[in-house]
Amino acid sequence: MVAKLKQSVSERIEAGSITETEAFELTREAALSSLDRAMQSRHTLAGRLIQRGYPAVTVEGVLDRLEAVGLVNDAEYAQSLVRARLDRGLAKRAIGVELARKGIASDAAGQALAQIDSGQQAEAAELVARKVINRCQGLTREVKANRAYGAVSRRGYPAEIAAAAVTKALGSTEDEF
């Protein structure tokens, strides 16, 4: 027995089995369901809906409506993403790259990134370094420093911030023993 493949909303419109109004409602429900799971940028949400077979014109109309009522807000999403990524220890530069990849407009991304000051950057880098150093018990100071420096650098921090964070983290961990 051959399973019948479910037609996408676009295919159902072309076949005449649903109207544009019904397609709009189905697209709206899919968008709301996706937003229930997690806040998303307009760009990401549009890509997901189109990939799942919703017509691009209908998706744009639905997203315009959701944006008008405040359920899709790229500026708010960018602020939230910046706070979350900073808490995970990512550098401002790396967060900016992620915002661009998610389709956030440069003005909204710039405003969100402006909330990060150099003190927060240094604290986040030091936290990453301290975590790595704490996992390196029994290793030499040089190995700890190299591993911490590598971890901080991979998070997108410039060399001078990474070096300062490792130095400070090594100093604070030695005080604990």
Foldseek 3Di string as FASTA:
>chain_A
DDDDDDAALQVCVVVVVDDLVVLLVVLLVVLVVVVVVDQAALQVSLVVSVVRRRDSVSSVVSSVVCVVVPSHDLLVVLLVQLVVLLQVLAALVLSLVVSVVRPRDPVSNVVSSVVDDPVSNLVSLLVQLLVQLVVPPPDDLVVSLVVSLVRNVVSPDDNVSSNVSNVVSSVVVVVVD
